[in-house]
Protein backbone atom coordinates (compact mmCIF):
# COMPACT_ATOMS: atom_id res chain seq x y z
CA MET A 1 -0.09 -0.13 -0.35
CA THR A 2 1.34 3.79 -0.65
CA ASP A 3 0.13 6.76 0.68
CA ALA A 4 1.89 9.14 -1.32
CA PRO A 5 0.07 11.42 -3.82
CA ILE A 6 -1.45 9.95 -6.89
CA LEU A 7 -2.42 11.12 -10.34
CA ILE A 8 -4.58 9.03 -12.61
CA ARG A 9 -4.93 10.61 -15.96
CA ASN A 10 -6.32 9.75 -19.36
CA ALA A 11 -9.19 8.50 -17.47
CA THR A 12 -12.88 7.91 -18.28
CA LEU A 13 -14.26 10.06 -15.10
CA ILE A 14 -17.55 8.66 -14.38
CA ASP A 15 -19.30 10.58 -11.11
CA PRO A 16 -22.47 8.89 -10.58
CA ALA A 17 -23.65 11.49 -7.87
CA SER A 18 -23.91 14.15 -10.40
CA GLY A 19 -24.96 12.15 -13.43
CA THR A 20 -20.92 13.11 -15.29
CA GLU A 21 -19.09 11.23 -17.57
CA THR A 22 -16.26 13.25 -19.18
CA ARG A 23 -12.39 11.93 -19.63
CA GLY A 24 -9.91 13.75 -18.01
CA HIS A 25 -7.72 13.11 -15.07
CA LEU A 26 -8.18 13.34 -11.30
CA ALA A 27 -5.27 13.97 -8.44
CA VAL A 28 -5.11 12.39 -4.75
CA ALA A 29 -3.19 13.82 -1.72
CA ASP A 30 -3.59 13.54 2.30
CA GLY A 31 -6.94 10.44 1.24
CA VAL A 32 -8.88 12.96 -0.44
CA ILE A 33 -9.61 14.03 -3.95
CA VAL A 34 -7.72 17.55 -4.29
CA GLU A 35 -8.21 17.67 -8.28
CA ILE A 36 -10.34 16.64 -10.96
CA GLY A 37 -10.00 18.25 -14.70
CA ALA A 38 -10.72 17.74 -17.88
CA GLY A 39 -8.31 16.57 -20.75
CA ILE A 40 -6.00 13.98 -20.53
CA ASP A 41 -3.31 15.91 -18.80
CA PRO A 42 -3.07 18.33 -15.76
CA VAL A 43 -1.44 21.70 -16.04
CA ALA A 44 1.08 20.38 -12.94
CA VAL A 45 1.88 16.78 -11.46
CA PRO A 46 1.48 17.30 -7.53
CA ASP A 47 5.24 17.08 -6.21
CA GLY A 48 6.27 13.62 -5.72
CA ALA A 49 3.13 11.64 -7.23
CA ARG A 50 2.65 8.76 -8.77
CA VAL A 51 1.17 8.79 -12.16
CA VAL A 52 -0.88 6.14 -13.31
CA ASP A 53 -2.08 5.98 -17.03
CA ALA A 54 -5.63 4.95 -17.20
CA ASN A 55 -5.53 4.38 -21.08
CA GLY A 56 -9.44 5.00 -21.34
CA LYS A 57 -10.52 3.07 -18.31
CA VAL A 58 -13.41 3.75 -16.04
CA LEU A 59 -12.53 5.97 -12.86
CA ALA A 60 -15.41 5.86 -10.21
CA PRO A 61 -15.94 6.07 -6.85
CA GLY A 62 -15.07 2.60 -5.01
CA LEU A 63 -18.43 0.41 -4.51
CA VAL A 64 -20.12 0.46 -0.93
CA ASP A 65 -22.07 -2.86 -0.08
CA LEU A 66 -24.81 -3.06 2.75
CA ARG A 67 -24.81 -6.76 2.94
CA ALA A 68 -22.02 -8.87 3.73
CA PHE A 69 -21.98 -11.59 5.90
CA VAL A 70 -18.51 -12.22 7.57
CA GLY A 71 -17.45 -15.07 10.22
CA GLU A 72 -15.51 -13.50 12.52
CA PRO A 73 -15.86 -13.89 15.46
CA GLY A 74 -16.96 -17.04 15.94
CA ALA A 75 -16.94 -18.24 12.76
CA GLU A 76 -13.37 -17.55 11.05
CA HIS A 77 -13.29 -20.93 9.11
CA ARG A 78 -16.10 -19.20 6.64
CA GLU A 79 -14.88 -15.63 6.66
CA THR A 80 -12.73 -13.27 8.38
CA LEU A 81 -12.33 -9.35 8.47
CA ALA A 82 -9.05 -9.66 6.80
CA SER A 83 -10.20 -12.06 3.90
CA ALA A 84 -13.20 -10.20 3.08
CA SER A 85 -11.65 -6.85 2.61
CA ARG A 86 -9.32 -8.62 0.37
CA ALA A 87 -12.06 -10.12 -1.58
CA ALA A 88 -13.71 -6.56 -1.86
CA ALA A 89 -10.48 -4.80 -2.57
CA ALA A 90 -10.45 -6.98 -5.45
CA GLY A 91 -13.72 -6.61 -6.51
CA GLY A 92 -13.74 -2.72 -6.32
CA VAL A 93 -16.01 -2.27 -3.14
CA THR A 94 -14.23 0.24 -0.58
CA THR A 95 -16.95 -0.30 2.40
CA VAL A 96 -18.25 -3.17 3.61
CA VAL A 97 -21.12 -3.47 6.04
CA CYS A 98 -20.89 -6.49 7.88
CA MET A 99 -23.85 -8.50 9.20
CA PRO A 100 -24.51 -9.01 13.00
CA ASP A 101 -24.80 -12.77 12.23
CA THR A 102 -21.93 -13.78 14.37
CA ASP A 103 -20.66 -15.43 17.86
CA PRO A 104 -21.34 -13.49 19.95
CA PRO A 105 -23.79 -11.58 18.02
CA VAL A 106 -23.52 -7.74 17.96
CA ASP A 107 -25.77 -6.69 20.19
CA ASP A 108 -23.34 -5.37 22.64
CA PRO A 109 -21.34 -2.02 22.08
CA ALA A 110 -18.59 -3.61 23.36
CA VAL A 111 -18.52 -6.27 20.39
CA VAL A 112 -19.35 -3.02 18.16
CA ASP A 113 -15.88 -1.24 19.33
CA PHE A 114 -13.64 -4.81 18.99
CA LEU A 115 -14.73 -5.19 15.57
CA ILE A 116 -14.27 -1.68 14.37
CA ARG A 117 -10.59 -2.47 16.15
CA ARG A 118 -10.17 -5.44 14.72
CA ALA A 119 -11.19 -4.20 10.95
CA ARG A 120 -8.61 -0.87 11.77
CA ASP A 121 -6.14 -3.23 12.36
CA THR A 122 -6.68 -6.18 9.65
CA ALA A 123 -8.92 -4.98 7.16
CA GLN A 124 -7.50 -3.54 3.72
CA VAL A 125 -11.07 -1.44 3.05
CA ARG A 126 -13.37 0.17 4.92
CA MET A 127 -15.71 -2.38 6.91
CA ILE A 128 -18.00 -1.14 9.19
CA PRO A 129 -20.27 -3.50 11.85
CA ALA A 130 -24.05 -3.85 11.80
CA ALA A 131 -25.74 -4.06 15.21
CA ALA A 132 -28.40 -6.56 16.18
CA LEU A 133 -31.60 -5.40 16.10
CA THR A 134 -32.77 -7.65 19.17
CA LYS A 135 -30.69 -8.98 21.91
CA GLY A 136 -29.22 -12.28 20.51
CA LEU A 137 -31.00 -12.09 17.03
CA ALA A 138 -33.62 -13.65 19.16
CA GLY A 139 -36.58 -10.99 17.70
CA GLN A 140 -37.97 -11.11 21.10
CA GLU A 141 -36.57 -7.85 23.01
CA MET A 142 -35.09 -4.90 21.55
CA SER A 143 -31.38 -4.21 21.59
CA GLU A 144 -30.00 -0.51 22.70
CA ILE A 145 -30.02 0.96 19.47
CA GLY A 146 -29.13 4.51 20.59
CA LEU A 147 -25.78 3.12 22.11
CA LEU A 148 -24.96 0.74 19.44
CA GLN A 149 -25.34 3.56 16.89
CA LYS A 150 -23.16 5.74 19.30
CA ALA A 151 -20.09 2.65 19.26
CA GLY A 152 -20.17 3.05 15.50
CA ALA A 153 -22.83 0.42 14.29
CA ALA A 154 -23.82 1.25 10.41
CA PHE A 155 -27.60 0.38 11.14
CA CYS A 156 -29.74 -1.92 13.33
CA THR A 157 -30.76 -5.41 11.80
CA ASP A 158 -31.28 -9.16 12.64
CA GLY A 159 -29.16 -9.71 9.62
CA ALA A 160 -30.91 -12.97 7.99
CA LYS A 161 -33.49 -13.38 10.38
CA ALA A 162 -36.68 -11.30 10.04
CA LEU A 163 -38.34 -9.22 12.98
CA VAL A 164 -41.57 -11.09 12.92
CA ASP A 165 -43.00 -9.40 15.67
CA PRO A 166 -44.70 -6.10 14.87
CA LEU A 167 -44.71 -4.59 18.66
CA VAL A 168 -41.19 -5.18 18.55
CA MET A 169 -40.89 -3.55 15.20
CA ARG A 170 -42.94 -0.92 16.03
CA ARG A 171 -41.20 -0.02 18.96
CA ALA A 172 -37.90 -0.36 17.31
CA LEU A 173 -39.03 2.00 14.63
CA THR A 174 -40.00 4.37 17.11
CA TYR A 175 -36.93 4.57 19.11
CA ALA A 176 -34.65 4.51 16.06
CA ARG A 177 -36.75 7.60 14.89
CA ASP A 178 -35.58 9.58 17.81
CA PHE A 179 -32.39 8.64 17.22
CA GLY A 180 -31.80 8.94 13.36
CA ALA A 181 -30.90 5.15 13.39
CA LEU A 182 -32.09 3.16 10.27
CA ILE A 183 -33.75 -0.10 10.64
CA VAL A 184 -32.84 -2.84 7.94
CA GLN A 185 -35.23 -5.70 7.66
CA HIS A 186 -34.92 -9.16 5.76
CA VAL A 187 -38.07 -8.92 4.61
CA GLU A 188 -39.55 -13.03 4.55
CA GLU A 189 -42.54 -14.26 6.69
CA PRO A 190 -40.57 -17.60 7.80
CA ARG A 191 -43.75 -19.37 8.45
CA LEU A 192 -44.71 -19.09 5.01
CA ALA A 193 -41.28 -19.37 3.71
CA GLY A 194 -40.67 -23.14 4.50
CA GLY A 195 -39.66 -24.17 0.91
CA VAL A 196 -36.11 -24.39 -0.55
CA MET A 197 -36.70 -22.70 -3.60
CA ASN A 198 -39.16 -20.16 -5.80
CA GLU A 199 -42.68 -21.75 -5.70
CA GLY A 200 -43.99 -22.36 -9.14
CA GLU A 201 -43.91 -24.70 -11.95
CA LEU A 202 -40.17 -25.64 -11.86
CA ALA A 203 -40.69 -26.25 -8.26
CA SER A 204 -43.00 -28.92 -9.18
CA ARG A 205 -40.90 -30.56 -11.80
CA LEU A 206 -37.98 -30.54 -9.58
CA GLY A 207 -39.47 -31.71 -7.13
CA LEU A 208 -38.88 -29.17 -4.22
CA PRO A 209 -40.89 -27.46 -1.94
CA GLY A 210 -41.68 -23.85 -2.77
CA ILE A 211 -41.48 -20.19 -1.27
CA PRO A 212 -44.08 -18.06 -2.61
CA ARG A 213 -43.58 -14.59 -3.23
CA GLU A 214 -46.25 -13.66 -0.67
CA ALA A 215 -43.57 -14.48 2.06
CA GLU A 216 -41.91 -11.53 1.11
CA THR A 217 -44.87 -9.16 0.11
CA LEU A 218 -46.62 -9.72 3.30
CA MET A 219 -43.89 -8.71 5.37
CA LEU A 220 -43.04 -5.76 3.03
CA GLU A 221 -46.97 -4.45 3.30
CA ARG A 222 -47.17 -4.83 7.32
CA ASP A 223 -42.95 -3.14 7.51
CA MET A 224 -44.91 -0.52 5.49
CA ARG A 225 -47.98 0.47 7.60
CA LEU A 226 -45.80 0.37 10.61
CA VAL A 227 -43.24 3.24 9.30
CA ARG A 228 -46.62 5.15 7.98
CA LEU A 229 -47.12 4.71 12.17
CA THR A 230 -43.91 5.30 13.34
CA ARG A 231 -42.02 7.65 10.56
CA GLY A 232 -39.03 5.57 11.62
CA ARG A 233 -36.35 5.11 8.58
CA TYR A 234 -36.80 2.10 6.99
CA HIS A 235 -34.86 -0.05 4.78
CA ALA A 236 -35.82 -3.64 3.27
CA ALA A 237 -32.24 -5.61 2.53
CA MET A 238 -33.55 -6.89 -0.25
CA ILE A 239 -36.76 -6.79 -2.75
CA SER A 240 -36.76 -10.07 -5.45
CA CYS A 241 -40.63 -9.91 -7.17
CA ALA A 242 -42.55 -7.55 -9.03
CA ASP A 243 -45.34 -7.47 -6.34
CA SER A 244 -42.70 -5.63 -3.47
CA VAL A 245 -41.37 -3.29 -6.22
CA GLU A 246 -45.37 -2.07 -6.39
CA ILE A 247 -44.96 -1.98 -2.76
CA MET A 248 -41.68 0.07 -2.64
CA ARG A 249 -42.93 2.39 -5.39
CA ALA A 250 -46.38 2.93 -3.36
CA ALA A 251 -44.65 3.76 -0.08
CA LYS A 252 -41.87 6.49 -1.87
CA LYS A 253 -45.01 8.14 -3.38
CA ALA A 254 -46.66 8.40 -0.39
CA GLY A 255 -43.29 10.02 1.20
CA LEU A 256 -42.51 7.61 3.89
CA PRO A 257 -38.76 7.26 4.86
CA VAL A 258 -38.22 4.00 2.94
CA THR A 259 -35.68 2.60 0.86
CA CYS A 260 -34.73 -0.59 -0.44
CA GLY A 261 -32.35 -3.08 -2.22
CA VAL A 262 -31.75 -6.08 -4.66
CA SER A 263 -29.19 -8.82 -4.36
CA ILE A 264 -26.66 -9.10 -7.36
CA ASN A 265 -27.84 -12.60 -7.31
CA ASN A 266 -31.35 -11.67 -8.23
CA LEU A 267 -30.64 -9.09 -10.64
CA ALA A 268 -28.66 -11.31 -13.10
CA LEU A 269 -30.17 -14.81 -12.53
CA ASN A 270 -33.67 -16.46 -12.07
CA GLU A 271 -34.95 -19.79 -10.63
CA ASN A 272 -33.97 -21.60 -14.22
CA ASP A 273 -30.05 -21.14 -13.44
CA ILE A 274 -30.85 -23.62 -10.37
CA GLY A 275 -30.04 -26.39 -13.45
CA PRO A 276 -29.55 -29.81 -11.86
CA TYR A 277 -30.18 -28.52 -8.38
CA ARG A 278 -26.92 -26.26 -8.30
CA THR A 279 -26.66 -25.96 -4.38
CA PHE A 280 -24.15 -22.85 -4.59
CA LEU A 281 -27.75 -21.13 -6.64
CA LYS A 282 -30.05 -21.95 -3.25
CA LEU A 283 -30.31 -18.19 -1.67
CA SER A 284 -32.49 -15.97 0.56
CA PRO A 285 -34.55 -14.68 -1.05
CA PRO A 286 -34.69 -17.56 -3.51
CA LEU A 287 -34.11 -17.01 -7.67
CA ARG A 288 -37.30 -15.89 -8.91
CA HIS A 289 -39.33 -16.36 -12.09
CA GLU A 290 -37.34 -14.36 -15.11
CA ASP A 291 -40.31 -11.56 -15.23
CA ASP A 292 -39.81 -10.85 -11.62
CA ARG A 293 -35.87 -10.64 -12.44
CA LEU A 294 -37.14 -8.19 -15.50
CA ALA A 295 -39.28 -6.14 -12.90
CA VAL A 296 -36.47 -5.71 -10.17
CA VAL A 297 -34.08 -4.61 -13.27
CA ALA A 298 -36.33 -2.19 -14.28
CA ALA A 299 -36.93 -1.00 -11.03
CA LEU A 300 -33.82 -0.52 -10.46
CA ALA A 301 -33.17 1.61 -13.73
CA GLU A 302 -36.15 3.81 -12.43
CA GLY A 303 -34.70 4.37 -8.90
CA VAL A 304 -37.57 2.66 -6.88
CA ILE A 305 -34.82 0.17 -5.98
CA ASP A 306 -31.78 2.62 -4.21
CA VAL A 307 -28.92 -0.34 -3.77
CA VAL A 308 -27.39 -3.24 -5.50
CA VAL A 309 -26.04 -5.22 -2.40
CA SER A 310 -23.41 -8.30 -2.87
CA ASP A 311 -25.31 -10.64 -0.21
CA HIS A 312 -22.12 -11.91 0.56
CA ASP A 313 -22.32 -15.30 2.48
CA PRO A 314 -19.32 -18.00 2.57
CA GLN A 315 -20.62 -21.16 3.37
CA ASP A 316 -17.96 -24.11 3.67
CA VAL A 317 -18.45 -27.82 1.72
CA GLU A 318 -20.34 -29.25 4.86
CA THR A 319 -22.84 -27.09 4.21
CA LYS A 320 -23.08 -26.61 0.48
CA ARG A 321 -22.08 -29.99 -0.70
CA ARG A 322 -25.33 -31.59 0.55
CA PRO A 323 -28.68 -32.87 -1.15
CA TYR A 324 -30.53 -29.19 -2.56
CA ALA A 325 -33.11 -29.26 0.08
CA GLU A 326 -30.55 -29.89 3.05
CA SER A 327 -27.90 -27.68 2.13
CA ALA A 328 -27.32 -24.18 3.64
CA ASP A 329 -28.75 -20.66 1.97
CA GLY A 330 -26.25 -18.31 0.57
CA ALA A 331 -23.41 -17.34 -1.92
CA ILE A 332 -20.26 -15.72 -2.08
CA GLY A 333 -20.38 -12.24 -4.28
CA ILE A 334 -18.27 -9.43 -3.07
CA GLN A 335 -15.52 -10.09 -5.30
CA THR A 336 -18.00 -10.45 -8.22
CA MET A 337 -20.72 -8.04 -7.82
CA LEU A 338 -19.48 -5.40 -9.92
CA SER A 339 -18.65 -7.92 -13.21
CA VAL A 340 -21.67 -9.50 -12.40
CA GLY A 341 -23.51 -5.95 -12.69
CA LEU A 342 -21.89 -5.61 -16.06
CA ARG A 343 -23.68 -7.96 -17.23
CA LEU A 344 -26.41 -6.13 -17.34
CA VAL A 345 -24.88 -3.34 -18.98
CA HIS A 346 -23.70 -5.17 -21.86
CA ALA A 347 -27.03 -6.72 -21.97
CA GLY A 348 -28.98 -3.03 -22.43
CA GLU A 349 -30.95 -3.72 -19.44
CA ILE A 350 -29.48 -0.75 -17.91
CA GLY A 351 -27.17 1.88 -18.29
CA LEU A 352 -23.33 1.83 -16.37
CA LEU A 353 -24.14 5.57 -14.74
CA PRO A 354 -27.70 4.04 -12.66
CA LEU A 355 -25.77 0.62 -11.79
CA LEU A 356 -22.58 2.40 -10.51
CA ARG A 357 -24.80 5.09 -8.46
CA ALA A 358 -26.79 1.99 -6.85
CA MET A 359 -23.44 0.12 -6.20
CA SER A 360 -21.76 3.62 -4.81
CA THR A 361 -23.46 6.87 -4.39
CA ARG A 362 -26.80 6.04 -2.92
CA PRO A 363 -25.91 3.21 -0.29
CA ALA A 364 -23.02 5.94 0.87
CA ASP A 365 -26.23 8.38 0.77
CA ILE A 366 -28.14 5.87 2.56
CA LEU A 367 -25.63 5.74 5.51
CA GLY A 368 -24.62 9.22 5.53
CA LEU A 369 -21.08 8.81 4.41
CA PRO A 370 -18.95 11.07 2.14
CA GLN A 371 -18.27 8.40 -0.07
CA GLY A 372 -19.71 7.71 -3.88
CA ARG A 373 -18.51 10.69 -5.39
CA LEU A 374 -15.83 12.34 -7.51
CA ALA A 375 -15.47 15.74 -6.34
CA VAL A 376 -13.06 17.63 -4.51
CA GLY A 377 -13.03 17.20 -1.02
CA ALA A 378 -14.21 13.52 -1.27
CA PRO A 379 -12.66 10.89 0.29
CA ALA A 380 -10.11 8.91 -2.05
CA ASP A 381 -12.10 6.17 -2.35
CA LEU A 382 -11.59 5.13 -5.93
CA ILE A 383 -11.73 2.11 -8.51
CA LEU A 384 -10.32 1.83 -11.92
CA PHE A 385 -11.35 -0.49 -14.04
CA ASP A 386 -11.86 -1.70 -17.71
CA PRO A 387 -15.84 -2.73 -18.30
CA ASP A 388 -15.07 -4.60 -21.38
CA GLU A 389 -11.98 -6.81 -20.44
CA PRO A 390 -13.68 -10.53 -20.26
CA TYR A 391 -12.13 -13.42 -18.03
CA VAL A 392 -13.32 -16.63 -17.29
CA LEU A 393 -13.97 -17.17 -13.24
CA ASP A 394 -11.99 -19.42 -11.47
CA PRO A 395 -13.18 -19.66 -7.63
CA ALA A 396 -9.60 -20.55 -7.02
CA LYS A 397 -8.67 -17.27 -7.63
CA LEU A 398 -10.94 -15.63 -5.46
CA HIS A 399 -9.67 -14.24 -1.94
CA SER A 400 -12.69 -15.46 -0.12
CA LEU A 401 -11.97 -18.46 2.26
CA CYS A 402 -15.29 -20.29 0.85
CA LYS A 403 -16.02 -20.68 -2.72
CA ASN A 404 -19.48 -21.07 -3.17
CA THR A 405 -19.80 -18.83 -5.99
CA PRO A 406 -22.95 -18.82 -8.37
CA PHE A 407 -20.71 -17.87 -11.03
CA ASP A 408 -17.81 -21.17 -11.02
CA GLU A 409 -16.28 -21.02 -14.50
CA ALA A 410 -18.94 -17.85 -16.09
CA ARG A 411 -17.70 -15.78 -18.68
CA LEU A 412 -17.46 -12.12 -17.46
CA GLN A 413 -16.37 -9.10 -17.96
CA GLY A 414 -15.20 -5.99 -16.21
CA VAL A 415 -11.48 -6.06 -14.63
CA VAL A 416 -10.62 -3.94 -11.56
CA HIS A 417 -6.79 -2.72 -12.27
CA LEU A 418 -7.03 -0.29 -9.18
CA THR A 419 -8.30 -0.01 -5.99
CA VAL A 420 -7.94 3.36 -3.96
CA VAL A 421 -9.20 3.55 0.00
CA GLY A 422 -8.03 6.57 1.54
CA GLY A 423 -5.73 7.56 -0.81
CA LYS A 424 -4.06 4.60 -0.41
CA VAL A 425 -3.52 1.54 -2.82
CA VAL A 426 -5.02 -1.63 -1.90
CA HIS A 427 -5.71 -3.61 -4.83
CA GLU A 428 -3.41 -3.30 -8.08
CA VAL A 429 -3.63 -5.40 -11.25
CA ASP A 430 -0.31 -5.00 -13.71
């Protein structure tokens, strides 16, 4: 890593915050952007600066991932903060929010403080813990939202579990409102979500129990009414179907303080990709029908869906090399999120600017962070990538400790050549 001044010349500068795309140069010093200029070359080069010729590659803000599961503490065999940060840096992700599903859970300010210190010592990118919404992730007793936020938690969520009790959710939204805190919900009614894939004709033909869309929409509709009642800030972690898009569109039109995300897997894949019972595609929410996939892609382009997340969830061989119905949910994705998203760009389903906005500017805005923009004075969290450069994904080359990627041996485009965090180079491809 280096903290010397950096000058990146001859780049295609894309700033999702302002919606601009220009050819020019950008200079970094003391961890922030100090100059952005049009034209290939700057008037003057900062003293001692390292000069990088981008050769027309895209220079954009680093990605901000609002949903990644990291095993530390308690399940370091699945993932550590260090290994997750290496994967993030290689994929152009410069800020990662880590879910509280750890052992012990992140339901105490002391655990938040430990994770922040641990990340500072071992991680290459910015890693921010999310705190548990309820004590022990049990869904019964609200955690100390104010103290957890003060300790540095990004937001409060029960991670992969939905908060089912409406009274506890009402109290949490009311309490969080007074602190300006954000409540994030995994929108899935567990008593309806007893299956293992999307409910429909394909599930019947495969002989697998299905998960109806209503498992998602009933929880989402209930929460929208609780938000209307409390006016607390609410974020639906991931939506996956057309009906959920309509619920979010109506809530936003009504002026409710709500946002939502979508998993990169639900954007790029559908239920047919499960094929011959591929357990690496057993996910929560499940992969939906192609009509639902097209609906969430359109909603992302429209802005109804605010952010794209990796839903990075490392699972080891013992939990994935099982019959489909018995295997664990989850796939890794933090290193491949950008490349998989670029599939949509190359297919003409979404533009590069709105995709980058959903992966950088909007998540940064939701967290109240200054990242996610190319502007003088903004933190120098940057990625330089070639959106057209092809490669075949080799799981052995992924930095995550687990290799449960849905895109094993997939043909992808989009190589990240340089990742800068706070003015320091944390990943580089010659």
